[in-house]
Protein backbone atom coordinates (compact mmCIF):
# COMPACT_ATOMS: atom_id res chain seq x y z
CA UNK A 1 33.00 65.73 -11.32
CA UNK A 2 29.57 64.20 -10.80
CA UNK A 3 27.18 64.72 -13.69
CA UNK A 4 24.12 66.79 -12.80
CA UNK A 5 20.88 66.26 -14.73
CA UNK A 6 19.86 68.93 -17.19
CA UNK A 7 16.47 70.58 -16.60
CA UNK A 8 13.65 68.56 -18.14
CA UNK A 9 10.30 69.74 -19.45
CA UNK A 10 8.95 66.17 -19.39
CA UNK A 11 6.73 65.10 -16.51
CA UNK A 12 8.13 62.35 -14.32
CA UNK A 13 6.20 59.07 -14.51
CA UNK A 14 5.72 57.50 -11.04
CA UNK A 15 5.30 54.05 -12.63
CA UNK A 16 8.67 54.35 -14.35
CA UNK A 17 10.27 55.55 -11.12
CA UNK A 18 8.86 52.65 -9.13
CA UNK A 19 9.90 50.14 -11.80
CA UNK A 20 13.49 51.37 -11.96
CA UNK A 21 13.77 51.71 -8.18
CA UNK A 22 12.72 48.07 -7.72
CA UNK A 23 15.26 46.91 -10.32
CA UNK A 24 17.94 49.08 -8.72
CA UNK A 25 17.26 47.71 -5.24
CA UNK A 26 17.30 44.13 -6.56
CA UNK A 27 20.81 44.60 -7.99
CA UNK A 28 23.79 43.25 -6.04
CA UNK A 29 26.18 45.82 -4.58
CA UNK A 30 28.84 45.83 -1.93
CA UNK A 31 27.46 46.67 1.55
CA UNK A 32 27.39 50.23 2.89
CA UNK A 33 30.22 49.51 5.32
CA UNK A 34 32.46 48.14 2.54
CA UNK A 35 36.06 49.23 3.18
CA UNK A 36 37.67 47.57 0.18
CA UNK A 37 39.73 44.51 -0.64
CA UNK A 38 43.09 43.31 -1.90
CA UNK A 39 43.80 40.40 -4.23
CA UNK A 40 46.45 38.89 -6.46
CA UNK A 41 45.81 39.31 -10.18
CA UNK A 42 46.98 37.44 -13.26
CA UNK A 43 46.08 38.86 -16.69
CA UNK A 44 46.27 36.67 -19.78
CA UNK A 45 46.01 38.37 -23.18
CA UNK A 46 45.96 35.82 -26.02
CA UNK A 47 48.36 33.61 -24.07
CA UNK A 48 50.70 36.30 -22.70
CA UNK A 49 50.52 36.45 -18.90
CA UNK A 50 51.48 39.11 -16.38
CA UNK A 51 50.85 38.98 -12.64
CA UNK A 52 50.66 41.42 -9.76
CA UNK A 53 48.27 42.75 -7.14
CA UNK A 54 45.19 44.95 -6.77
CA UNK A 55 43.87 47.25 -4.06
CA UNK A 56 40.30 48.53 -4.17
CA UNK A 57 38.98 50.93 -1.53
CA UNK A 58 36.24 52.67 -3.53
CA UNK A 59 35.39 53.44 -7.18
CA UNK A 60 37.84 56.36 -7.00
CA UNK A 61 40.54 54.48 -5.09
CA UNK A 62 41.65 51.58 -7.28
CA UNK A 63 45.26 50.53 -7.67
CA UNK A 64 46.71 47.75 -9.86
CA UNK A 65 50.39 46.79 -9.82
CA UNK A 66 51.60 44.82 -12.86
CA UNK A 67 54.96 44.61 -14.64
CA UNK A 68 53.44 45.58 -18.01
CA UNK A 69 52.44 49.25 -17.95
CA UNK A 70 49.85 49.07 -20.74
CA UNK A 71 48.18 46.00 -19.27
CA UNK A 72 48.30 47.59 -15.82
CA UNK A 73 46.46 50.69 -17.06
CA UNK A 74 43.86 48.58 -18.84
CA UNK A 75 43.34 46.27 -15.83
CA UNK A 76 42.95 49.28 -13.55
CA UNK A 77 40.26 50.66 -15.84
CA UNK A 78 38.45 47.31 -15.74
CA UNK A 79 38.60 47.12 -11.97
CA UNK A 80 37.50 50.74 -11.67
CA UNK A 81 34.48 49.96 -13.84
CA UNK A 82 33.63 46.98 -11.62
CA UNK A 83 33.94 49.16 -8.52
CA UNK A 84 31.67 51.86 -9.99
CA UNK A 85 28.94 49.34 -10.77
CA UNK A 86 29.29 47.37 -7.54
CA UNK A 87 30.00 50.20 -5.09
CA UNK A 88 27.34 51.08 -2.50
CA UNK A 89 25.05 53.94 -3.52
CA UNK A 90 21.41 54.91 -3.29
CA UNK A 91 18.82 55.15 -6.05
CA UNK A 92 18.20 58.86 -5.53
CA UNK A 93 21.87 59.70 -6.04
CA UNK A 94 22.14 57.71 -9.27
CA UNK A 95 19.40 57.23 -11.90
CA UNK A 96 16.74 58.42 -9.46
CA UNK A 97 17.92 62.03 -9.74
CA UNK A 98 16.67 62.20 -13.34
CA UNK A 99 13.20 62.56 -14.81
CA UNK A 100 11.95 59.09 -15.79
CA UNK A 101 9.35 57.95 -18.31
CA UNK A 102 8.47 54.56 -19.76
CA UNK A 103 6.99 53.02 -22.90
CA UNK A 104 5.63 49.50 -23.32
CA UNK A 105 6.50 48.71 -26.93
CA UNK A 106 6.45 44.88 -26.89
CA UNK A 107 10.25 44.53 -27.02
CA UNK A 108 11.48 41.05 -25.95
CA UNK A 109 13.87 42.63 -23.43
CA UNK A 110 11.07 44.52 -21.72
CA UNK A 111 9.73 48.05 -21.38
CA UNK A 112 11.70 51.07 -22.56
CA UNK A 113 12.56 53.42 -19.68
CA UNK A 114 14.05 56.79 -20.64
CA UNK A 115 16.36 58.66 -18.26
CA UNK A 116 15.85 62.25 -19.40
CA UNK A 117 18.88 64.52 -19.25
CA UNK A 118 21.40 61.67 -19.39
CA UNK A 119 21.22 60.64 -23.07
CA UNK A 120 20.23 57.16 -21.89
CA UNK A 121 17.43 54.66 -21.91
CA UNK A 122 17.12 51.19 -20.40
CA UNK A 123 15.10 48.05 -20.97
CA UNK A 124 13.61 46.40 -17.89
CA UNK A 125 12.00 43.01 -17.40
CA UNK A 126 11.24 40.95 -14.28
CA UNK A 127 12.76 43.56 -11.93
CA UNK A 128 16.03 43.50 -13.85
CA UNK A 129 17.79 45.95 -16.15
CA UNK A 130 18.19 43.93 -19.34
CA UNK A 131 19.63 46.57 -21.67
CA UNK A 132 21.44 49.91 -21.33
CA UNK A 133 21.65 52.42 -24.19
CA UNK A 134 23.79 55.52 -23.79
CA UNK A 135 25.42 58.30 -25.82
CA UNK A 136 28.59 59.87 -24.45
CA UNK A 137 30.48 63.06 -25.25
CA UNK A 138 33.55 64.11 -23.24
CA UNK A 139 35.78 67.15 -23.88
CA UNK A 140 38.70 66.18 -26.11
CA UNK A 141 37.10 62.88 -27.19
CA UNK A 142 35.01 61.87 -30.17
CA UNK A 143 31.38 61.25 -29.20
CA UNK A 144 30.45 57.59 -28.97
CA UNK A 145 27.44 55.46 -28.11
CA UNK A 146 26.94 51.96 -26.79
CA UNK A 147 24.30 49.35 -26.07
CA UNK A 148 24.79 46.77 -23.30
CA UNK A 149 22.70 43.62 -23.45
CA UNK A 150 22.60 41.73 -20.14
CA UNK A 151 22.50 38.05 -21.09
CA UNK A 152 22.95 36.10 -17.85
CA UNK A 153 22.72 36.84 -14.13
CA UNK A 154 23.23 34.97 -10.88
CA UNK A 155 21.29 35.35 -7.64
CA UNK A 156 23.51 36.09 -4.64
CA UNK A 157 23.19 34.81 -1.08
CA UNK A 158 21.34 38.07 -0.37
CA UNK A 159 18.83 37.31 -3.15
CA UNK A 160 20.18 40.11 -5.34
CA UNK A 161 20.78 39.97 -9.10
CA UNK A 162 24.44 39.87 -10.12
CA UNK A 163 25.27 40.10 -13.83
CA UNK A 164 27.57 37.33 -15.06
CA UNK A 165 27.46 37.77 -18.83
CA UNK A 166 26.86 40.79 -21.06
CA UNK A 167 27.80 42.14 -24.48
CA UNK A 168 28.61 45.74 -25.35
CA UNK A 169 28.05 47.13 -28.86
CA UNK A 170 29.93 50.39 -29.58
CA UNK A 171 28.76 52.56 -32.45
CA UNK A 172 28.81 56.05 -33.88
CA UNK A 173 26.05 58.28 -32.44
CA UNK A 174 25.86 60.19 -35.73
CA UNK A 175 25.45 57.47 -38.38
CA UNK A 176 25.07 54.28 -36.30
CA UNK A 177 28.21 52.62 -37.69
CA UNK A 178 29.29 49.71 -35.48
CA UNK A 179 32.86 50.21 -34.26
CA UNK A 180 33.45 47.31 -31.86
CA UNK A 181 31.82 44.54 -29.83
CA UNK A 182 33.00 43.29 -26.44
CA UNK A 183 31.68 40.14 -24.76
CA UNK A 184 32.10 39.97 -20.95
CA UNK A 185 31.81 36.85 -18.77
CA UNK A 186 32.31 37.27 -15.00
CA UNK A 187 32.50 34.95 -12.01
CA UNK A 188 32.51 35.96 -8.35
CA UNK A 189 33.64 34.73 -4.96
CA UNK A 190 31.81 35.32 -1.70
CA UNK A 191 34.04 36.80 1.01
CA UNK A 192 32.15 37.77 4.16
CA UNK A 193 29.12 39.78 3.03
CA UNK A 194 30.68 40.72 -0.33
CA UNK A 195 30.62 39.12 -3.77
CA UNK A 196 34.04 40.03 -5.16
CA UNK A 197 35.39 39.55 -8.71
CA UNK A 198 36.95 36.13 -9.26
CA UNK A 199 37.42 36.10 -13.04
CA UNK A 200 36.59 38.29 -16.01
CA UNK A 201 36.91 37.20 -19.63
CA UNK A 202 36.58 39.76 -22.40
CA UNK A 203 36.44 38.86 -26.07
CA UNK A 204 36.90 41.84 -28.38
CA UNK A 205 38.29 42.85 -31.78
CA UNK A 206 41.52 44.84 -31.84
CA UNK A 207 44.26 45.32 -34.41
CA UNK A 208 42.44 43.28 -37.06
CA UNK A 209 42.14 40.21 -34.81
CA UNK A 210 39.89 38.73 -32.14
CA UNK A 211 41.54 39.23 -28.74
CA UNK A 212 40.71 37.28 -25.58
CA UNK A 213 41.65 38.91 -22.28
CA UNK A 214 41.32 37.04 -18.99
CA UNK A 215 41.63 38.45 -15.48
CA UNK A 216 42.01 35.96 -12.63
CA UNK A 217 41.73 37.28 -9.05
CA UNK A 218 42.97 35.11 -6.15
CA UNK A 219 43.87 35.40 -2.46
CA UNK A 220 41.18 37.98 -1.73
CA UNK A 221 41.24 39.79 1.60
CA UNK A 222 38.76 42.35 2.90
CA UNK A 223 40.15 45.56 4.38
C-alpha cells in the first residue's frame, strides 16, 4: 500500500520544493515506456557462486530464479530495490507530495531538506541528493533508522546523475546505536535508452564476519 503523507502544520517552502524537484529531475531513471528486461545472474557470496536468471517488469514485478533459495530471496530483494529507485515516476507522486522545508547549516554534503510526514530528511548539493536520512516502523518489525551517503555518481548519456557508490549506516532510532554498515558499488550497461544493472558489490558485516556479495548481470534483453 502506498504511503500517504500525514497532515502537516508546517508551511511548504517553495525554495525547498524547487531545489528537490531539480535534483529529482536530474536523477537517472528508466524511461516512461520501459517494459522491463531479462538477464542472466551470477551471485558470489565470499567465494560461493550460484547462477540463474532474472525478470524485471516493474518495481512490483521482479522475479529471480536461483538454485539457492536464501540467495534467491536476497537477490530478488536487491533487484526490487534497484527497480524501485530506477523505475519511472514523477516528482509529485514521490517526495513532491509532502511538505518540504530547508535549512542551510553549512554541512559539507549540502543543505538539509526535511520531508515532513515521512520521518525523512535529505542533504542536497549541486542538484544532487547527497544524503538520505530515514526512520522506519512497520507492523511486526522493530523500528530502525538509516543514513545513506552518496559517494560517487556517473553521468548517463542523457546527462542524468546515476549513483555508482554509496554507504548505508543502520542504527537504532531510540538510542542511536549503530547496528550495521553496508557499502554498495554499482556498474551499469546501456541497452537502448536504458541504463541497466551490470554489477553490484555489497560489503557488509554478518555473523561476526565481513561478507562480500557480488551480483553479475549478463545477456541483458529489453522486453
